[in-house]
Each structure stands twice: as C-alpha cells, then as structure tokens.
Amino acid sequence: MEKSNPYAKQAILEVVENQLKQNDPPETRETLNRLIQEGYSAPEAKEFIATVLVAHMFDMLKNNRPYDNSKYIKDLANLPKLPWD
C-alpha cells in the first residue's frame, strides 16, 4: 500500500487552517471546537476536517461536480463519523 504524500497532507491542512483564520465557512471553527470538547486534540480534529475536505475534492473531480457547501457543512456536523461511513 502506498504511503500518503506528506506535501499533499500539509497542503490540505493549510486549507483547513485558512478556513479557520478566515472563519469561512464558520462551521469549520465550530466543528474544531466541538471535536476538541469531545476529547480530540486540535491536530486530530483538524485531520478529521481535512478528511472531509479531501472527500469533497475527490467527489468533485471524479464526478465533475461543483462544490456543494451545504453537503460539506453537513459532513462536518457528522464528524467524527466520516462521509463514507
């Protein structure tokens, strides 16, 4: 099995950081705070958020779909349950 690309992972986590800094969407910050309150560390919570982001990017590219903000927000609200669970 291939290992993940550390550069890609860092780039995705940077997108999450930008969402948090810009508070766009605000649900990213809300999700981070909720996951931390549930006992996850900040890095773990950010990786959960990044996983949702990657799942949405993959779906957009694979199915030639536009970004669906409402679905992204719904999937954030369902964390730590992952979109494919």
Protein backbone atom coordinates (compact mmCIF):
# COMPACT_ATOMS: atom_id res chain seq x y z
CA MET A 1 0.00 0.00 0.00
CA GLU A 2 1.26 3.49 -0.86
CA LYS A 3 2.05 5.91 1.91
CA SER A 4 0.35 9.27 1.91
CA ASN A 5 2.12 12.21 0.35
CA PRO A 6 3.31 14.48 3.19
CA TYR A 7 3.27 17.52 0.88
CA ALA A 8 -0.34 16.92 -0.12
CA LYS A 9 -1.31 16.38 3.51
CA GLN A 10 0.37 19.62 4.52
CA ALA A 11 -1.36 21.50 1.68
CA ILE A 12 -4.79 20.21 2.74
CA LEU A 13 -4.13 21.05 6.38
CA GLU A 14 -3.12 24.54 5.23
CA VAL A 15 -6.52 24.90 3.55
CA VAL A 16 -8.16 23.92 6.85
CA GLU A 17 -6.02 26.50 8.68
CA ASN A 18 -7.09 29.14 6.15
CA GLN A 19 -10.75 28.25 6.68
CA LEU A 20 -10.21 28.68 10.41
CA LYS A 21 -8.35 32.00 10.07
CA GLN A 22 -10.92 33.43 7.66
CA ASN A 23 -13.85 31.87 9.52
CA ASP A 24 -15.13 30.70 6.15
CA PRO A 25 -17.14 28.63 6.48
CA PRO A 26 -17.76 29.32 10.18
CA GLU A 27 -18.79 25.68 10.61
CA THR A 28 -15.12 24.71 10.30
CA ARG A 29 -14.32 26.55 13.56
CA GLU A 30 -17.50 25.22 15.18
CA THR A 31 -16.51 21.68 14.20
CA LEU A 32 -12.97 22.12 15.53
CA ASN A 33 -14.28 23.40 18.88
CA ARG A 34 -16.88 20.62 19.12
CA LEU A 35 -14.36 17.86 18.39
CA ILE A 36 -11.95 19.29 20.97
CA GLN A 37 -14.78 19.35 23.54
CA GLU A 38 -15.46 15.70 22.66
CA GLY A 39 -11.89 14.85 23.65
CA TYR A 40 -9.94 15.01 20.40
CA SER A 41 -6.73 17.02 20.21
CA ALA A 42 -6.64 20.07 17.93
CA PRO A 43 -4.38 18.25 15.41
CA GLU A 44 -6.73 15.24 15.40
CA ALA A 45 -9.75 17.48 14.90
CA LYS A 46 -8.04 19.30 12.02
CA GLU A 47 -7.23 15.97 10.38
CA PHE A 48 -10.90 14.95 10.62
CA ILE A 49 -11.86 18.23 8.93
CA ALA A 50 -9.16 17.70 6.30
CA THR A 51 -10.53 14.23 5.61
CA VAL A 52 -13.96 15.70 4.83
CA LEU A 53 -12.33 18.32 2.62
CA VAL A 54 -10.40 15.68 0.66
CA ALA A 55 -13.52 13.54 0.26
CA HIS A 56 -15.34 16.52 -1.25
CA MET A 57 -12.44 17.41 -3.54
CA PHE A 58 -12.27 13.80 -4.73
CA ASP A 59 -16.02 13.71 -5.39
CA MET A 60 -15.85 16.99 -7.32
CA LEU A 61 -13.03 15.76 -9.54
CA LYS A 62 -14.30 12.22 -10.03
CA ASN A 63 -17.88 13.19 -10.81
CA ASN A 64 -17.24 16.60 -12.37
CA ARG A 65 -19.50 18.24 -9.78
CA PRO A 66 -19.40 21.77 -8.40
CA TYR A 67 -18.57 22.42 -4.77
CA ASP A 68 -21.58 21.77 -2.52
CA ASN A 69 -21.20 23.92 0.59
CA SER A 70 -24.34 22.56 2.27
CA LYS A 71 -23.08 18.96 1.92
CA TYR A 72 -19.64 19.99 3.22
CA ILE A 73 -21.25 21.60 6.28
CA LYS A 74 -23.45 18.52 6.82
CA ASP A 75 -20.41 16.24 6.68
CA LEU A 76 -18.55 18.48 9.14
CA ALA A 77 -21.52 18.25 11.52
CA ASN A 78 -21.38 14.44 11.33
CA LEU A 79 -17.72 14.21 12.38
CA PRO A 80 -16.12 12.12 13.79
CA LYS A 81 -18.27 9.88 11.58
CA LEU A 82 -16.58 10.02 8.17
CA PRO A 83 -18.53 10.75 4.96
CA TRP A 84 -18.22 7.19 3.69
CA ASP A 85 -19.21 5.50 6.99
